[in-house]
Amino acid sequence: MIELEPEVIEAIESGKKVDAIKILRKIRGIGLKESKELVDLYSSENKPHSSSTHSHSGANSGAGANIFFIMVFVVACYCIYNFYLS
């Protein structure tokens, strides 16, 4: 198991891999390639738990409903606009 600094782990768990790589490079004084490999290795060894994946799928299911209601609203506005022009 790979050991990283707490700041790097926090950035990875927050979904900020680029920031994690930058922090790791600064702290350890290593190159971009090595930093990326370490961050990727840590990420692959510590995959997110199922509870975090459920929150993402719930967020995506609401997007379809929002788009539907926006489309209905636009069509209603168009019909009302045309009605008053006639």
PDB file of N, CA and C in Angstrom:
ATOM      1  N   MET A   1       0.845  -1.185   0.000  1.00  0.00           N
ATOM      2  CA  MET A   1       0.000   0.000   0.000  1.00  0.00           C
ATOM      3  C   MET A   1       0.887   1.244   0.000  1.00  0.00           C
ATOM      4  N   ILE A   2       0.486   2.216  -0.796  1.00  0.00           N
ATOM      5  CA  ILE A   2       1.270   3.435  -0.938  1.00  0.00           C
ATOM      6  C   ILE A   2       0.881   4.438   0.160  1.00  0.00           C
ATOM      7  N   GLU A   3       1.878   5.140   0.674  1.00  0.00           N
ATOM      8  CA  GLU A   3       1.637   6.146   1.703  1.00  0.00           C
ATOM      9  C   GLU A   3       1.902   7.528   1.123  1.00  0.00           C
ATOM     10  N   LEU A   4       0.904   8.398   1.249  1.00  0.00           N
ATOM     11  CA  LEU A   4       1.022   9.763   0.769  1.00  0.00           C
ATOM     12  C   LEU A   4       0.749  10.735   1.916  1.00  0.00           C
ATOM     13  N   GLU A   5       1.143  11.957   1.706  1.00  0.00           N
ATOM     14  CA  GLU A   5       0.936  12.988   2.692  1.00  0.00           C
ATOM     15  C   GLU A   5      -0.561  13.279   2.829  1.00  0.00           C
ATOM     16  N   PRO A   6      -0.998  13.688   4.024  1.00  0.00           N
ATOM     17  CA  PRO A   6      -2.428  13.934   4.252  1.00  0.00           C
ATOM     18  C   PRO A   6      -3.040  14.958   3.289  1.00  0.00           C
ATOM     19  N   GLU A   7      -2.273  15.994   2.930  1.00  0.00           N
ATOM     20  CA  GLU A   7      -2.792  17.008   2.007  1.00  0.00           C
ATOM     21  C   GLU A   7      -3.077  16.404   0.633  1.00  0.00           C
ATOM     22  N   VAL A   8      -2.205  15.496   0.229  1.00  0.00           N
ATOM     23  CA  VAL A   8      -2.353  14.842  -1.073  1.00  0.00           C
ATOM     24  C   VAL A   8      -3.573  13.921  -1.047  1.00  0.00           C
ATOM     25  N   ILE A   9      -3.719  13.167   0.014  1.00  0.00           N
ATOM     26  CA  ILE A   9      -4.857  12.251   0.150  1.00  0.00           C
ATOM     27  C   ILE A   9      -6.165  13.036   0.161  1.00  0.00           C
ATOM     28  N   GLU A  10      -6.179  14.148   0.869  1.00  0.00           N
ATOM     29  CA  GLU A  10      -7.389  14.985   0.937  1.00  0.00           C
ATOM     30  C   GLU A  10      -7.777  15.494  -0.455  1.00  0.00           C
ATOM     31  N   ALA A  11      -6.782  15.915  -1.225  1.00  0.00           N
ATOM     32  CA  ALA A  11      -7.055  16.399  -2.584  1.00  0.00           C
ATOM     33  C   ALA A  11      -7.584  15.270  -3.464  1.00  0.00           C
ATOM     34  N   ILE A  12      -7.014  14.084  -3.354  1.00  0.00           N
ATOM     35  CA  ILE A  12      -7.468  12.939  -4.151  1.00  0.00           C
ATOM     36  C   ILE A  12      -8.906  12.595  -3.797  1.00  0.00           C
ATOM     37  N   GLU A  13      -9.202  12.522  -2.504  1.00  0.00           N
ATOM     38  CA  GLU A  13     -10.547  12.150  -2.062  1.00  0.00           C
ATOM     39  C   GLU A  13     -11.574  13.219  -2.395  1.00  0.00           C
ATOM     40  N   SER A  14     -11.123  14.452  -2.619  1.00  0.00           N
ATOM     41  CA  SER A  14     -12.023  15.535  -3.017  1.00  0.00           C
ATOM     42  C   SER A  14     -12.222  15.561  -4.530  1.00  0.00           C
ATOM     43  N   GLY A  15     -11.564  14.646  -5.233  1.00  0.00           N
ATOM     44  CA  GLY A  15     -11.689  14.587  -6.682  1.00  0.00           C
ATOM     45  C   GLY A  15     -10.790  15.571  -7.407  1.00  0.00           C
ATOM     46  N   LYS A  16      -9.777  16.070  -6.726  1.00  0.00           N
ATOM     47  CA  LYS A  16      -8.863  17.061  -7.311  1.00  0.00           C
ATOM     48  C   LYS A  16      -7.506  16.424  -7.551  1.00  0.00           C
ATOM     49  N   LYS A  17      -7.443  15.531  -8.518  1.00  0.00           N
ATOM     50  CA  LYS A  17      -6.204  14.804  -8.799  1.00  0.00           C
ATOM     51  C   LYS A  17      -5.086  15.720  -9.263  1.00  0.00           C
ATOM     52  N   VAL A  18      -5.425  16.718 -10.067  1.00  0.00           N
ATOM     53  CA  VAL A  18      -4.396  17.633 -10.567  1.00  0.00           C
ATOM     54  C   VAL A  18      -3.761  18.384  -9.394  1.00  0.00           C
ATOM     55  N   ASP A  19      -4.602  18.838  -8.474  1.00  0.00           N
ATOM     56  CA  ASP A  19      -4.072  19.518  -7.289  1.00  0.00           C
ATOM     57  C   ASP A  19      -3.224  18.571  -6.446  1.00  0.00           C
ATOM     58  N   ALA A  20      -3.658  17.323  -6.342  1.00  0.00           N
ATOM     59  CA  ALA A  20      -2.903  16.327  -5.576  1.00  0.00           C
ATOM     60  C   ALA A  20      -1.511  16.130  -6.181  1.00  0.00           C
ATOM     61  N   ILE A  21      -1.448  16.080  -7.507  1.00  0.00           N
ATOM     62  CA  ILE A  21      -0.163  15.919  -8.191  1.00  0.00           C
ATOM     63  C   ILE A  21       0.730  17.127  -7.930  1.00  0.00           C
ATOM     64  N   LYS A  22       0.154  18.324  -8.014  1.00  0.00           N
ATOM     65  CA  LYS A  22       0.932  19.544  -7.755  1.00  0.00           C
ATOM     66  C   LYS A  22       1.472  19.571  -6.327  1.00  0.00           C
ATOM     67  N   ILE A  23       0.613  19.218  -5.374  1.00  0.00           N
ATOM     68  CA  ILE A  23       1.027  19.215  -3.965  1.00  0.00           C
ATOM     69  C   ILE A  23       2.140  18.203  -3.741  1.00  0.00           C
ATOM     70  N   LEU A  24       1.978  17.015  -4.311  1.00  0.00           N
ATOM     71  CA  LEU A  24       2.978  15.961  -4.151  1.00  0.00           C
ATOM     72  C   LEU A  24       4.312  16.377  -4.758  1.00  0.00           C
ATOM     73  N   ARG A  25       4.290  17.011  -5.914  1.00  0.00           N
ATOM     74  CA  ARG A  25       5.531  17.488  -6.547  1.00  0.00           C
ATOM     75  C   ARG A  25       6.233  18.511  -5.667  1.00  0.00           C
ATOM     76  N   LYS A  26       5.446  19.408  -5.086  1.00  0.00           N
ATOM     77  CA  LYS A  26       6.022  20.460  -4.252  1.00  0.00           C
ATOM     78  C   LYS A  26       6.611  19.885  -2.967  1.00  0.00           C
ATOM     79  N   ILE A  27       5.884  19.001  -2.321  1.00  0.00           N
ATOM     80  CA  ILE A  27       6.339  18.442  -1.043  1.00  0.00           C
ATOM     81  C   ILE A  27       7.569  17.560  -1.226  1.00  0.00           C
ATOM     82  N   ARG A  28       7.506  16.655  -2.188  1.00  0.00           N
ATOM     83  CA  ARG A  28       8.587  15.677  -2.354  1.00  0.00           C
ATOM     84  C   ARG A  28       9.678  16.111  -3.323  1.00  0.00           C
ATOM     85  N   GLY A  29       9.412  17.119  -4.121  1.00  0.00           N
ATOM     86  CA  GLY A  29      10.406  17.562  -5.097  1.00  0.00           C
ATOM     87  C   GLY A  29      10.646  16.541  -6.194  1.00  0.00           C
ATOM     88  N   ILE A  30       9.577  15.875  -6.629  1.00  0.00           N
ATOM     89  CA  ILE A  30       9.704  14.859  -7.675  1.00  0.00           C
ATOM     90  C   ILE A  30       9.063  15.369  -8.961  1.00  0.00           C
ATOM     91  N   GLY A  31       9.245  14.630 -10.036  1.00  0.00           N
ATOM     92  CA  GLY A  31       8.753  15.034 -11.347  1.00  0.00           C
ATOM     93  C   GLY A  31       7.271  14.780 -11.541  1.00  0.00           C
ATOM     94  N   LEU A  32       6.771  15.318 -12.633  1.00  0.00           N
ATOM     95  CA  LEU A  32       5.359  15.204 -12.968  1.00  0.00           C
ATOM     96  C   LEU A  32       4.938  13.751 -13.178  1.00  0.00           C
ATOM     97  N   LYS A  33       5.711  13.013 -13.939  1.00  0.00           N
ATOM     98  CA  LYS A  33       5.366  11.626 -14.248  1.00  0.00           C
ATOM     99  C   LYS A  33       5.299  10.775 -12.982  1.00  0.00           C
ATOM    100  N   GLU A  34       6.302  10.899 -12.134  1.00  0.00           N
ATOM    101  CA  GLU A  34       6.324  10.112 -10.899  1.00  0.00           C
ATOM    102  C   GLU A  34       5.166  10.501  -9.981  1.00  0.00           C
ATOM    103  N   SER A  35       4.874  11.792  -9.886  1.00  0.00           N
ATOM    104  CA  SER A  35       3.770  12.255  -9.048  1.00  0.00           C
ATOM    105  C   SER A  35       2.444  11.708  -9.551  1.00  0.00           C
ATOM    106  N   LYS A  36       2.248  11.770 -10.873  1.00  0.00           N
ATOM    107  CA  LYS A  36       1.003  11.266 -11.451  1.00  0.00           C
ATOM    108  C   LYS A  36       0.857   9.774 -11.210  1.00  0.00           C
ATOM    109  N   GLU A  37       1.943   9.036 -11.371  1.00  0.00           N
ATOM    110  CA  GLU A  37       1.894   7.590 -11.152  1.00  0.00           C
ATOM    111  C   GLU A  37       1.526   7.270  -9.704  1.00  0.00           C
ATOM    112  N   LEU A  38       2.102   8.017  -8.754  1.00  0.00           N
ATOM    113  CA  LEU A  38       1.794   7.782  -7.341  1.00  0.00           C
ATOM    114  C   LEU A  38       0.338   8.102  -7.025  1.00  0.00           C
ATOM    115  N   VAL A  39      -0.165   9.203  -7.559  1.00  0.00           N
ATOM    116  CA  VAL A  39      -1.561   9.586  -7.325  1.00  0.00           C
ATOM    117  C   VAL A  39      -2.500   8.562  -7.956  1.00  0.00           C
ATOM    118  N   ASP A  40      -2.196   8.130  -9.173  1.00  0.00           N
ATOM    119  CA  ASP A  40      -3.023   7.118  -9.837  1.00  0.00           C
ATOM    120  C   ASP A  40      -2.993   5.791  -9.088  1.00  0.00           C
ATOM    121  N   LEU A  41      -1.820   5.413  -8.605  1.00  0.00           N
ATOM    122  CA  LEU A  41      -1.699   4.169  -7.847  1.00  0.00           C
ATOM    123  C   LEU A  41      -2.517   4.240  -6.565  1.00  0.00           C
ATOM    124  N   TYR A  42      -2.410   5.352  -5.859  1.00  0.00           N
ATOM    125  CA  TYR A  42      -3.186   5.513  -4.627  1.00  0.00           C
ATOM    126  C   TYR A  42      -4.683   5.462  -4.946  1.00  0.00           C
ATOM    127  N   SER A  43      -5.084   6.138  -6.022  1.00  0.00           N
ATOM    128  CA  SER A  43      -6.500   6.166  -6.403  1.00  0.00           C
ATOM    129  C   SER A  43      -7.020   4.776  -6.740  1.00  0.00           C
ATOM    130  N   SER A  44      -6.218   3.994  -7.451  1.00  0.00           N
ATOM    131  CA  SER A  44      -6.658   2.648  -7.824  1.00  0.00           C
ATOM    132  C   SER A  44      -6.719   1.714  -6.626  1.00  0.00           C
ATOM    133  N   GLU A  45      -5.837   1.914  -5.645  1.00  0.00           N
ATOM    134  CA  GLU A  45      -5.851   1.075  -4.444  1.00  0.00           C
ATOM    135  C   GLU A  45      -6.975   1.461  -3.483  1.00  0.00           C
ATOM    136  N   ASN A  46      -7.431   2.694  -3.555  1.00  0.00           N
ATOM    137  CA  ASN A  46      -8.439   3.200  -2.626  1.00  0.00           C
ATOM    138  C   ASN A  46      -9.651   3.702  -3.391  1.00  0.00           C
ATOM    139  N   LYS A  47     -10.297   2.779  -4.082  1.00  0.00           N
ATOM    140  CA  LYS A  47     -11.481   3.151  -4.864  1.00  0.00           C
ATOM    141  C   LYS A  47     -12.567   3.647  -3.922  1.00  0.00           C
ATOM    142  N   PRO A  48     -13.429   4.571  -4.416  1.00  0.00           N
ATOM    143  CA  PRO A  48     -14.492   5.113  -3.568  1.00  0.00           C
ATOM    144  C   PRO A  48     -15.474   4.035  -3.142  1.00  0.00           C
ATOM    145  N   HIS A  49     -16.075   4.248  -1.976  1.00  0.00           N
ATOM    146  CA  HIS A  49     -17.050   3.302  -1.449  1.00  0.00           C
ATOM    147  C   HIS A  49     -18.351   3.422  -2.217  1.00  0.00           C
ATOM    148  N   SER A  50     -19.217   2.429  -2.072  1.00  0.00           N
ATOM    149  CA  SER A  50     -20.460   2.415  -2.828  1.00  0.00           C
ATOM    150  C   SER A  50     -21.370   3.579  -2.466  1.00  0.00           C
ATOM    151  N   SER A  51     -21.268   4.122  -1.255  1.00  0.00           N
ATOM    152  CA  SER A  51     -22.134   5.237  -0.871  1.00  0.00           C
ATOM    153  C   SER A  51     -21.846   6.473  -1.706  1.00  0.00           C
ATOM    154  N   SER A  52     -20.595   6.697  -2.072  1.00  0.00           N
ATOM    155  CA  SER A  52     -20.280   7.873  -2.878  1.00  0.00           C
ATOM    156  C   SER A  52     -20.736   7.697  -4.316  1.00  0.00           C
ATOM    157  N   THR A  53     -20.768   6.468  -4.820  1.00  0.00           N
ATOM    158  CA  THR A  53     -21.231   6.271  -6.185  1.00  0.00           C
ATOM    159  C   THR A  53     -22.732   6.456  -6.265  1.00  0.00           C
ATOM    160  N   HIS A  54     -23.460   6.146  -5.181  1.00  0.00           N
ATOM    161  CA  HIS A  54     -24.901   6.355  -5.189  1.00  0.00           C
ATOM    162  C   HIS A  54     -25.235   7.830  -5.255  1.00  0.00           C
ATOM    163  N   SER A  55     -24.467   8.658  -4.602  1.00  0.00           N
ATOM    164  CA  SER A  55     -24.759  10.084  -4.628  1.00  0.00           C
ATOM    165  C   SER A  55     -24.586  10.647  -6.036  1.00  0.00           C
ATOM    166  N   HIS A  56     -23.638  10.114  -6.796  1.00  0.00           N
ATOM    167  CA  HIS A  56     -23.452  10.601  -8.158  1.00  0.00           C
ATOM    168  C   HIS A  56     -24.588  10.155  -9.060  1.00  0.00           C
ATOM    169  N   SER A  57     -25.044   8.917  -8.914  1.00  0.00           N
ATOM    170  CA  SER A  57     -26.116   8.450  -9.778  1.00  0.00           C
ATOM    171  C   SER A  57     -27.411   9.186  -9.467  1.00  0.00           C
ATOM    172  N   GLY A  58     -27.639   9.536  -8.220  1.00  0.00           N
ATOM    173  CA  GLY A  58     -28.826  10.308  -7.861  1.00  0.00           C
ATOM    174  C   GLY A  58     -28.773  11.696  -8.448  1.00  0.00           C
ATOM    175  N   ALA A  59     -27.606  12.281  -8.481  1.00  0.00           N
ATOM    176  CA  ALA A  59     -27.458  13.621  -9.038  1.00  0.00           C
ATOM    177  C   ALA A  59     -27.723  13.607 -10.535  1.00  0.00           C
ATOM    178  N   ASN A  60     -27.300  12.561 -11.212  1.00  0.00           N
ATOM    179  CA  ASN A  60     -27.505  12.486 -12.652  1.00  0.00           C
ATOM    180  C   ASN A  60     -28.959  12.234 -13.012  1.00  0.00           C
ATOM    181  N   SER A  61     -29.705  11.487 -12.201  1.00  0.00           N
ATOM    182  CA  SER A  61     -31.087  11.188 -12.532  1.00  0.00           C
ATOM    183  C   SER A  61     -31.937  12.441 -12.460  1.00  0.00           C
ATOM    184  N   GLY A  62     -31.607  13.396 -11.620  1.00  0.00           N
ATOM    185  CA  GLY A  62     -32.347  14.644 -11.530  1.00  0.00           C
ATOM    186  C   GLY A  62     -32.101  15.542 -12.718  1.00  0.00           C
ATOM    187  N   ALA A  63     -30.978  15.379 -13.383  1.00  0.00           N
ATOM    188  CA  ALA A  63     -30.652  16.227 -14.532  1.00  0.00           C
ATOM    189  C   ALA A  63     -31.633  16.003 -15.667  1.00  0.00           C
ATOM    190  N   GLY A  64     -32.030  14.783 -15.905  1.00  0.00           N
ATOM    191  CA  GLY A  64     -32.992  14.500 -16.965  1.00  0.00           C
ATOM    192  C   GLY A  64     -34.344  15.143 -16.695  1.00  0.00           C
ATOM    193  N   ALA A  65     -34.786  15.103 -15.441  1.00  0.00           N
ATOM    194  CA  ALA A  65     -36.056  15.724 -15.072  1.00  0.00           C
ATOM    195  C   ALA A  65     -35.970  17.234 -15.232  1.00  0.00           C
ATOM    196  N   ASN A  66     -34.834  17.818 -14.860  1.00  0.00           N
ATOM    197  CA  ASN A  66     -34.666  19.262 -15.003  1.00  0.00           C
ATOM    198  C   ASN A  66     -34.727  19.677 -16.461  1.00  0.00           C
ATOM    199  N   ILE A  67     -34.088  18.931 -17.328  1.00  0.00           N
ATOM    200  CA  ILE A  67     -34.109  19.239 -18.758  1.00  0.00           C
ATOM    201  C   ILE A  67     -35.529  19.134 -19.294  1.00  0.00           C
ATOM    202  N   PHE A  68     -36.257  18.124 -18.870  1.00  0.00           N
ATOM    203  CA  PHE A  68     -37.632  17.948 -19.305  1.00  0.00           C
ATOM    204  C   PHE A  68     -38.481  19.155 -18.922  1.00  0.00           C
ATOM    205  N   PHE A  69     -38.390  19.597 -17.677  1.00  0.00           N
ATOM    206  CA  PHE A  69     -39.192  20.731 -17.229  1.00  0.00           C
ATOM    207  C   PHE A  69     -38.784  22.031 -17.918  1.00  0.00           C
ATOM    208  N   ILE A  70     -37.520  22.183 -18.206  1.00  0.00           N
ATOM    209  CA  ILE A  70     -37.072  23.369 -18.947  1.00  0.00           C
ATOM    210  C   ILE A  70     -37.657  23.352 -20.352  1.00  0.00           C
ATOM    211  N   MET A  71     -37.658  22.195 -20.983  1.00  0.00           N
ATOM    212  CA  MET A  71     -38.220  22.090 -22.329  1.00  0.00           C
ATOM    213  C   MET A  71     -39.714  22.396 -22.312  1.00  0.00           C
ATOM    214  N   VAL A  72     -40.443  21.880 -21.326  1.00  0.00           N
ATOM    215  CA  VAL A  72     -41.874  22.156 -21.213  1.00  0.00           C
ATOM    216  C   VAL A  72     -42.101  23.644 -21.003  1.00  0.00           C
ATOM    217  N   PHE A  73     -41.298  24.258 -20.170  1.00  0.00           N
ATOM    218  CA  PHE A  73     -41.414  25.694 -19.905  1.00  0.00           C
ATOM    219  C   PHE A  73     -41.183  26.494 -21.180  1.00  0.00           C
ATOM    220  N   VAL A  74     -40.166  26.148 -21.948  1.00  0.00           N
ATOM    221  CA  VAL A  74     -39.863  26.863 -23.190  1.00  0.00           C
ATOM    222  C   VAL A  74     -41.011  26.719 -24.183  1.00  0.00           C
ATOM    223  N   VAL A  75     -41.552  25.522 -24.316  1.00  0.00           N
ATOM    224  CA  VAL A  75     -42.668  25.300 -25.238  1.00  0.00           C
ATOM    225  C   VAL A  75     -43.890  26.098 -24.784  1.00  0.00           C
ATOM    226  N   ALA A  76     -44.155  26.116 -23.492  1.00  0.00           N
ATOM    227  CA  ALA A  76     -45.291  26.892 -22.973  1.00  0.00           C
ATOM    228  C   ALA A  76     -45.094  28.374 -23.255  1.00  0.00           C
ATOM    229  N   CYS A  77     -43.891  28.884 -23.024  1.00  0.00           N
ATOM    230  CA  CYS A  77     -43.611  30.301 -23.306  1.00  0.00           C
ATOM    231  C   CYS A  77     -43.794  30.604 -24.790  1.00  0.00           C
ATOM    232  N   TYR A  78     -43.349  29.718 -25.631  1.00  0.00           N
ATOM    233  CA  TYR A  78     -43.494  29.897 -27.083  1.00  0.00           C
ATOM    234  C   TYR A  78     -44.973  29.947 -27.471  1.00  0.00           C
ATOM    235  N   CYS A  79     -45.766  29.033 -26.928  1.00  0.00           N
ATOM    236  CA  CYS A  79     -47.195  29.004 -27.246  1.00  0.00           C
ATOM    237  C   CYS A  79     -47.882  30.273 -26.753  1.00  0.00           C
ATOM    238  N   ILE A  80     -47.585  30.708 -25.564  1.00  0.00           N
ATOM    239  CA  ILE A  80     -48.182  31.935 -25.022  1.00  0.00           C
ATOM    240  C   ILE A  80     -47.758  33.134 -25.855  1.00  0.00           C
ATOM    241  N   TYR A  81     -46.501  33.200 -26.209  1.00  0.00           N
ATOM    242  CA  TYR A  81     -45.987  34.309 -27.026  1.00  0.00           C
ATOM    243  C   TYR A  81     -46.716  34.363 -28.372  1.00  0.00           C
ATOM    244  N   ASN A  82     -46.871  33.226 -29.040  1.00  0.00           N
ATOM    245  CA  ASN A  82     -47.564  33.165 -30.331  1.00  0.00           C
ATOM    246  C   ASN A  82     -49.041  33.508 -30.180  1.00  0.00           C
ATOM    247  N   PHE A  83     -49.668  33.119 -29.091  1.00  0.00           N
ATOM    248  CA  PHE A  83     -51.073  33.400 -28.850  1.00  0.00           C
ATOM    249  C   PHE A  83     -51.306  34.906 -28.758  1.00  0.00           C
ATOM    250  N   TYR A  84     -50.437  35.610 -28.062  1.00  0.00           N
ATOM    251  CA  TYR A  84     -50.605  37.055 -27.910  1.00  0.00           C
ATOM    252  C   TYR A  84     -50.226  37.830 -29.169  1.00  0.00           C
ATOM    253  N   LEU A  85     -49.441  37.250 -30.047  1.00  0.00           N
ATOM    254  CA  LEU A  85     -49.102  37.909 -31.299  1.00  0.00           C
ATOM    255  C   LEU A  85     -50.223  37.798 -32.322  1.00  0.00           C
ATOM    256  N   SER A  86     -51.064  36.770 -32.177  1.00  0.00           N
ATOM    257  CA  SER A  86     -52.120  36.521 -33.170  1.00  0.00           C
ATOM    258  C   SER A  86     -53.274  37.483 -33.028  1.00  0.00           C
TER     259      SER A  86
END
